[in-house]
Protein backbone atom coordinates (compact mmCIF):
# COMPACT_ATOMS: atom_id res chain seq x y z
CA MET A 1 7.78 -2.65 -4.09
CA PRO A 2 8.60 -2.18 -0.70
CA LEU A 3 8.99 -4.23 2.71
CA ASP A 4 5.22 -3.60 4.04
CA PHE A 5 3.02 -5.35 6.23
CA THR A 6 1.59 -6.16 9.13
CA ALA A 7 2.24 -8.55 11.94
CA ILE A 8 0.11 -9.94 14.09
CA ASP A 9 -0.58 -12.06 16.83
CA PHE A 10 -3.47 -13.15 18.80
CA GLU A 11 -4.05 -14.71 22.37
CA THR A 12 -6.53 -16.94 23.25
CA ALA A 13 -8.66 -17.96 25.91
CA ASN A 14 -9.25 -21.51 25.55
CA SER A 15 -8.73 -24.34 22.75
CA SER A 16 -11.52 -22.72 20.32
CA PRO A 17 -9.73 -20.51 17.64
CA ALA A 18 -12.39 -17.74 18.08
CA SER A 19 -11.86 -17.38 21.71
CA ALA A 20 -9.46 -14.30 20.87
CA CYS A 21 -8.67 -12.61 24.25
CA SER A 22 -5.93 -9.85 23.15
CA VAL A 23 -4.55 -8.97 20.33
CA GLY A 24 -1.01 -7.29 18.99
CA LEU A 25 -0.48 -5.59 15.57
CA VAL A 26 2.67 -4.49 13.88
CA ARG A 27 2.80 -2.19 10.82
CA VAL A 28 5.80 -2.32 8.83
CA ARG A 29 6.63 0.03 5.96
CA ASP A 30 9.98 -0.16 3.71
CA GLY A 31 11.27 -2.45 6.40
CA LYS A 32 10.88 -0.43 9.57
CA VAL A 33 7.85 -0.38 12.40
CA VAL A 34 6.25 2.44 11.64
CA ALA A 35 3.36 2.20 14.19
CA THR A 36 2.09 -0.50 16.80
CA ALA A 37 -1.12 -0.74 18.56
CA GLY A 38 -2.42 -4.38 20.95
CA TRP A 39 -5.10 -4.48 23.36
CA LEU A 40 -7.39 -6.92 25.01
CA ILE A 41 -10.90 -8.42 23.75
CA ARG A 42 -13.83 -10.00 25.13
CA PRO A 43 -13.56 -13.37 23.01
CA PRO A 44 -17.20 -13.87 21.62
CA ALA A 45 -19.99 -15.24 23.28
CA GLY A 46 -19.77 -19.06 23.49
CA HIS A 47 -16.01 -19.16 23.31
CA ASP A 48 -15.35 -16.90 26.45
CA GLU A 49 -14.81 -19.75 29.04
CA PHE A 50 -11.09 -18.53 30.31
CA GLN A 51 -9.45 -22.37 30.35
CA HIS A 52 -6.30 -22.42 33.88
CA TRP A 53 -3.71 -24.10 30.64
CA ASN A 54 -4.27 -20.80 28.93
CA ILE A 55 -4.36 -18.47 31.55
CA LYS A 56 -0.94 -20.30 32.72
CA ILE A 57 0.71 -19.20 29.25
CA HIS A 58 -0.54 -15.39 28.63
CA GLY A 59 -1.55 -14.36 31.95
CA ILE A 60 -4.61 -13.12 30.94
CA HIS A 61 -7.67 -13.39 33.16
CA PRO A 62 -11.55 -13.60 32.88
CA GLU A 63 -11.96 -10.40 34.79
CA ASP A 64 -9.04 -8.41 32.39
CA VAL A 65 -11.47 -8.82 29.84
CA ARG A 66 -14.53 -7.68 31.51
CA ASP A 67 -14.51 -4.19 30.32
CA ALA A 68 -12.87 -4.96 27.23
CA ALA A 69 -14.27 -4.11 23.69
CA SER A 70 -16.08 -7.26 22.27
CA TRP A 71 -14.74 -9.32 18.67
CA GLU A 72 -17.58 -7.20 17.34
CA GLU A 73 -16.67 -4.13 18.80
CA GLN A 74 -12.78 -4.34 18.05
CA PHE A 75 -13.20 -5.88 14.39
CA ASP A 76 -12.78 -2.80 12.24
CA ARG A 77 -10.29 -1.44 14.65
CA LEU A 78 -7.85 -4.20 13.91
CA CYS A 79 -9.16 -4.31 9.87
CA SER A 80 -7.85 -0.45 9.43
CA PHE A 81 -5.13 -1.47 11.23
CA ALA A 82 -3.85 -3.52 8.80
CA GLY A 83 -5.51 -2.19 6.00
CA ALA A 84 -4.37 -4.54 2.74
CA ASP A 85 -1.46 -5.70 3.95
CA VAL A 86 0.04 -8.87 3.92
CA LEU A 87 -0.07 -10.64 7.69
CA VAL A 88 2.74 -11.96 8.71
CA ALA A 89 2.77 -14.31 12.03
CA HIS A 90 4.92 -16.84 13.53
CA ASN A 91 2.67 -20.00 12.99
CA ALA A 92 0.39 -17.49 10.58
CA GLY A 93 -2.14 -20.51 10.60
CA PHE A 94 -2.86 -20.33 14.01
CA ASP A 95 -3.42 -16.68 13.19
CA THR A 96 -5.19 -16.08 10.66
CA LYS A 97 -7.90 -19.03 11.88
CA VAL A 98 -8.48 -17.14 14.88
CA LEU A 99 -9.18 -13.94 12.80
CA ARG A 100 -11.55 -16.19 10.38
CA SER A 101 -13.27 -17.85 13.30
CA ALA A 102 -13.91 -14.91 15.56
CA SER A 103 -15.56 -13.59 12.72
CA GLU A 104 -17.40 -16.50 11.60
CA VAL A 105 -18.98 -16.72 14.93
CA THR A 106 -19.74 -13.27 15.30
CA GLY A 107 -20.74 -13.27 11.29
CA LEU A 108 -18.67 -10.55 10.12
CA GLU A 109 -16.84 -10.53 7.13
CA CYS A 110 -13.20 -11.32 7.46
CA PRO A 111 -11.49 -9.67 4.57
CA PRO A 112 -9.42 -11.75 1.98
CA TYR A 113 -5.99 -11.17 3.62
CA ARG A 114 -2.98 -13.29 2.54
CA SER A 115 -0.31 -14.06 4.87
CA LEU A 116 3.30 -15.17 5.34
CA CYS A 117 4.31 -17.70 8.55
CA SER A 118 7.90 -16.42 10.09
CA LEU A 119 8.00 -19.42 11.70
CA GLN A 120 8.94 -20.97 8.49
CA VAL A 121 10.96 -18.00 7.62
CA ALA A 122 12.68 -19.12 10.41
CA ARG A 123 13.53 -22.33 9.60
CA LYS A 124 15.05 -21.34 6.20
CA ILE A 125 17.12 -18.53 7.50
CA TYR A 126 18.35 -19.60 10.69
CA ASP A 127 20.34 -22.64 11.81
CA LEU A 128 18.54 -23.52 15.28
CA ASP A 129 17.68 -26.14 17.79
CA SER A 130 14.70 -24.54 17.88
CA TYR A 131 12.48 -22.37 15.64
CA ARG A 132 10.02 -21.10 18.86
CA LEU A 133 9.46 -17.36 18.52
CA PRO A 134 12.26 -16.05 21.61
CA MET A 135 14.98 -17.88 19.74
CA ALA A 136 13.95 -17.10 15.99
CA ALA A 137 13.35 -13.39 17.05
CA ALA A 138 16.88 -13.42 19.18
CA ALA A 139 18.69 -14.89 16.08
CA ALA A 140 17.13 -11.55 14.57
CA GLY A 141 18.52 -9.37 16.46
CA PHE A 142 15.21 -9.31 18.84
CA ALA A 143 15.70 -10.77 22.22
CA GLU A 144 14.16 -10.28 25.65
CA PHE A 145 10.77 -9.82 24.83
CA SER A 146 7.66 -10.66 27.20
CA HIS A 147 6.61 -13.75 25.37
CA HIS A 148 2.82 -14.49 25.04
CA ASP A 149 2.25 -11.04 25.07
CA ALA A 150 0.83 -10.29 21.93
CA LEU A 151 2.35 -7.02 21.01
CA ALA A 152 5.67 -8.40 22.15
CA ASP A 153 4.91 -11.10 19.52
CA ALA A 154 3.74 -9.37 16.98
CA ARG A 155 6.89 -6.91 16.97
CA ALA A 156 8.99 -9.94 17.40
CA CYS A 157 7.74 -11.72 14.59
CA ALA A 158 8.30 -8.51 12.46
CA GLN A 159 11.84 -8.07 13.52
CA ILE A 160 12.04 -11.77 12.10
CA VAL A 161 11.05 -11.08 8.60
CA ILE A 162 12.70 -7.53 8.05
CA ASP A 163 15.67 -9.39 9.15
CA ALA A 164 15.45 -12.55 6.88
CA ALA A 165 14.37 -10.06 3.74
CA VAL A 166 17.79 -8.30 4.71
CA ARG A 167 19.51 -11.39 4.42
CA ALA A 168 18.16 -12.80 1.15
CA GLY A 169 18.12 -9.56 -0.39
CA ALA A 170 14.56 -9.07 -0.86
CA ALA A 171 12.46 -6.13 -1.55
CA ASP A 172 8.95 -7.29 -0.70
CA VAL A 173 7.20 -9.95 1.03
CA ASP A 174 6.64 -11.60 -2.09
CA GLU A 175 10.04 -11.54 -3.47
CA LEU A 176 11.29 -12.94 0.48
CA ALA A 177 8.89 -15.79 -0.39
CA ARG A 178 10.15 -17.03 -3.68
CA ALA A 179 13.52 -16.76 -2.45
CA LEU A 180 12.60 -18.96 0.55
CA SER A 181 10.96 -21.28 -1.69
CA LEU A 182 7.88 -20.61 0.50
CA ARG A 183 4.83 -18.54 -0.50
CA VAL A 184 2.37 -16.11 0.35
CA VAL A 185 -0.70 -18.31 1.61
CA ASP A 186 -4.31 -16.83 -0.14
CA ALA A 187 -7.22 -16.71 2.16
CA PRO A 188 -9.17 -19.53 1.85
CA VAL A 189 -12.06 -19.45 -0.37
CA ARG A 190 -15.19 -19.53 0.87
CA VAL A 191 -17.70 -22.44 -0.74
CA LEU A 192 -21.54 -21.50 -0.54
CA GLU A 193 -23.18 -24.95 0.07
CA ARG A 194 -26.06 -25.11 -2.96
CA ALA A 195 -29.43 -26.84 -2.25
CA VAL A 196 -29.52 -30.21 -4.19
CA ALA A 197 -33.20 -30.26 -5.83
């Protein structure tokens, strides 16, 4: 199997994981970046207040997303780009939670994406003082990018996994995870509540 995956990064409007306001996506095939996409998102209603702290981090303001596609309107585009790929993100727990939460609050069925965390990969591959994305990406040969721009962050994340696979001699994402004693995380199973008679 070749080294195929989609790197993903979200920026959020506030502390709610459902408040996605930007996404970056990078498709990797055979260990090479073959497609990129990124766009602004109008966060779901009830999760659309922009907090000062978040704006300070990513520079996205409420007026920037006023005419952007809503989560519901852009969801198919995101899923079409990712296909059935393993999703890779730096702190994957955060980005997969954004994907699931924004889908849940808008009544959409999120595909059962598997994921691999490039932060965990970086901790196994590199010896660094900090494993924040800029430092880990620089160790992977991807320096000087616009941190907290969703597309730039997804591209940096992709480079970490590509570089790690080369260093580990891994042919695909699952083999990389095994080589580093990590795991590709399965989507959480939704448990349907049963009525008690």
